[in-house]
């Protein structure tokens, strides 16, 4: 029983570390994004972004994509939507 709790704690700790690293990368990417990248990257159509968001959701639902990866990718896609 003790081994199960230890393994669970280790998984949770690894998950939190991955989440923190992803958050740092996302923050660095956002901090590095300025007007220069907006000008060099052509805006994507809303249909393309929504289709990619639907595909991302399908990958998460099928279990091919972890929740943390899904949330990071979803946030990036939602930032591209023009509301």
C-alpha atoms as a PDB file:
ATOM      1  CA  UNK A   1       0.000   0.000   0.000  1.00  0.00           C
ATOM      2  CA  UNK A   2       2.820   2.382   0.857  1.00  0.00           C
ATOM      3  CA  UNK A   3       4.383   1.844  -2.561  1.00  0.00           C
ATOM      4  CA  UNK A   4       1.129   2.828  -4.242  1.00  0.00           C
ATOM      5  CA  UNK A   5       0.977   6.101  -2.343  1.00  0.00           C
ATOM      6  CA  UNK A   6       4.627   6.810  -3.099  1.00  0.00           C
ATOM      7  CA  UNK A   7       4.109   6.156  -6.804  1.00  0.00           C
ATOM      8  CA  UNK A   8       1.053   8.399  -6.838  1.00  0.00           C
ATOM      9  CA  UNK A   9       2.972  11.184  -5.101  1.00  0.00           C
ATOM     10  CA  UNK A  10       5.791  10.842  -7.618  1.00  0.00           C
ATOM     11  CA  UNK A  11       3.351  10.994 -10.545  1.00  0.00           C
ATOM     12  CA  UNK A  12       1.688  14.087  -9.100  1.00  0.00           C
ATOM     13  CA  UNK A  13       5.054  15.734  -8.503  1.00  0.00           C
ATOM     14  CA  UNK A  14       6.161  14.993 -12.084  1.00  0.00           C
ATOM     15  CA  UNK A  15       2.856  16.325 -13.400  1.00  0.00           C
ATOM     16  CA  UNK A  16       3.273  19.564 -11.453  1.00  0.00           C
ATOM     17  CA  UNK A  17       6.846  19.961 -12.698  1.00  0.00           C
ATOM     18  CA  UNK A  18       5.766  19.442 -16.324  1.00  0.00           C
ATOM     19  CA  UNK A  19       2.970  21.938 -15.843  1.00  0.00           C
ATOM     20  CA  UNK A  20       5.366  24.507 -14.392  1.00  0.00           C
ATOM     21  CA  UNK A  21       7.809  24.042 -17.299  1.00  0.00           C
ATOM     22  CA  UNK A  22       5.008  24.422 -19.844  1.00  0.00           C
ATOM     23  CA  UNK A  23       3.750  27.535 -18.091  1.00  0.00           C
ATOM     24  CA  UNK A  24       7.265  29.020 -18.188  1.00  0.00           C
ATOM     25  CA  UNK A  25       7.643  28.222 -21.887  1.00  0.00           C
ATOM     26  CA  UNK A  26       4.246  29.723 -22.625  1.00  0.00           C
ATOM     27  CA  UNK A  27       5.086  32.874 -20.649  1.00  0.00           C
ATOM     28  CA  UNK A  28       8.419  33.207 -22.460  1.00  0.00           C
ATOM     29  CA  UNK A  29       6.729  32.702 -25.810  1.00  0.00           C
ATOM     30  CA  UNK A  30       4.122  35.334 -24.991  1.00  0.00           C
ATOM     31  CA  UNK A  31       6.750  37.746 -23.675  1.00  0.00           C
ATOM     32  CA  UNK A  32       8.766  37.252 -26.855  1.00  0.00           C
ATOM     33  CA  UNK A  33       5.731  37.792 -29.056  1.00  0.00           C
ATOM     34  CA  UNK A  34       5.629  41.356 -30.144  1.00  0.00           C
ATOM     35  CA  UNK A  35       4.373  43.236 -33.094  1.00  0.00           C
ATOM     36  CA  UNK A  36       7.153  41.716 -35.214  1.00  0.00           C
ATOM     37  CA  UNK A  37       5.715  38.195 -35.034  1.00  0.00           C
ATOM     38  CA  UNK A  38       2.204  39.436 -35.641  1.00  0.00           C
ATOM     39  CA  UNK A  39       3.358  41.065 -38.856  1.00  0.00           C
ATOM     40  CA  UNK A  40       5.340  38.071 -40.108  1.00  0.00           C
ATOM     41  CA  UNK A  41       2.673  35.478 -39.303  1.00  0.00           C
ATOM     42  CA  UNK A  42      -0.371  35.794 -41.505  1.00  0.00           C
ATOM     43  CA  UNK A  43      -3.624  35.658 -39.563  1.00  0.00           C
ATOM     44  CA  UNK A  44      -5.392  32.322 -39.796  1.00  0.00           C
ATOM     45  CA  UNK A  45      -9.038  32.090 -40.655  1.00  0.00           C
ATOM     46  CA  UNK A  46     -11.413  31.457 -37.785  1.00  0.00           C
ATOM     47  CA  UNK A  47     -12.582  28.256 -39.471  1.00  0.00           C
ATOM     48  CA  UNK A  48      -9.021  26.894 -39.496  1.00  0.00           C
ATOM     49  CA  UNK A  49      -8.520  27.708 -35.828  1.00  0.00           C
ATOM     50  CA  UNK A  50     -11.866  26.171 -34.857  1.00  0.00           C
ATOM     51  CA  UNK A  51     -11.140  23.036 -36.904  1.00  0.00           C
ATOM     52  CA  UNK A  52      -7.770  22.663 -35.186  1.00  0.00           C
ATOM     53  CA  UNK A  53      -9.444  23.188 -31.812  1.00  0.00           C
ATOM     54  CA  UNK A  54     -11.963  20.428 -32.621  1.00  0.00           C
ATOM     55  CA  UNK A  55      -9.145  18.080 -33.668  1.00  0.00           C
ATOM     56  CA  UNK A  56      -7.275  18.902 -30.479  1.00  0.00           C
ATOM     57  CA  UNK A  57     -10.360  18.091 -28.431  1.00  0.00           C
ATOM     58  CA  UNK A  58     -10.745  14.759 -30.236  1.00  0.00           C
ATOM     59  CA  UNK A  59      -7.115  13.863 -29.479  1.00  0.00           C
ATOM     60  CA  UNK A  60      -7.636  14.661 -25.800  1.00  0.00           C
ATOM     61  CA  UNK A  61     -10.881  12.685 -25.628  1.00  0.00           C
ATOM     62  CA  UNK A  62      -9.222   9.646 -27.231  1.00  0.00           C
ATOM     63  CA  UNK A  63      -6.423   9.758 -24.658  1.00  0.00           C
ATOM     64  CA  UNK A  64      -3.611  10.579 -27.096  1.00  0.00           C
ATOM     65  CA  UNK A  65      -3.090  13.981 -25.472  1.00  0.00           C
ATOM     66  CA  UNK A  66      -2.674  14.689 -21.767  1.00  0.00           C
ATOM     67  CA  UNK A  67      -4.865  17.255 -20.045  1.00  0.00           C
ATOM     68  CA  UNK A  68      -1.927  19.599 -19.469  1.00  0.00           C
ATOM     69  CA  UNK A  69      -0.865  19.489 -23.116  1.00  0.00           C
ATOM     70  CA  UNK A  70      -4.478  19.976 -24.147  1.00  0.00           C
ATOM     71  CA  UNK A  71      -4.872  23.058 -21.949  1.00  0.00           C
ATOM     72  CA  UNK A  72      -1.669  24.669 -23.247  1.00  0.00           C
ATOM     73  CA  UNK A  73      -2.544  24.032 -26.884  1.00  0.00           C
ATOM     74  CA  UNK A  74      -6.139  25.139 -26.319  1.00  0.00           C
ATOM     75  CA  UNK A  75      -4.995  28.420 -24.772  1.00  0.00           C
ATOM     76  CA  UNK A  76      -2.734  29.069 -27.767  1.00  0.00           C
ATOM     77  CA  UNK A  77      -5.569  28.399 -30.200  1.00  0.00           C
ATOM     78  CA  UNK A  78      -8.082  30.480 -28.266  1.00  0.00           C
ATOM     79  CA  UNK A  79      -5.620  33.372 -28.318  1.00  0.00           C
ATOM     80  CA  UNK A  80      -5.739  33.209 -32.127  1.00  0.00           C
ATOM     81  CA  UNK A  81      -9.514  33.603 -32.273  1.00  0.00           C
ATOM     82  CA  UNK A  82     -10.736  37.072 -33.082  1.00  0.00           C
ATOM     83  CA  UNK A  83     -13.666  37.832 -30.840  1.00  0.00           C
END
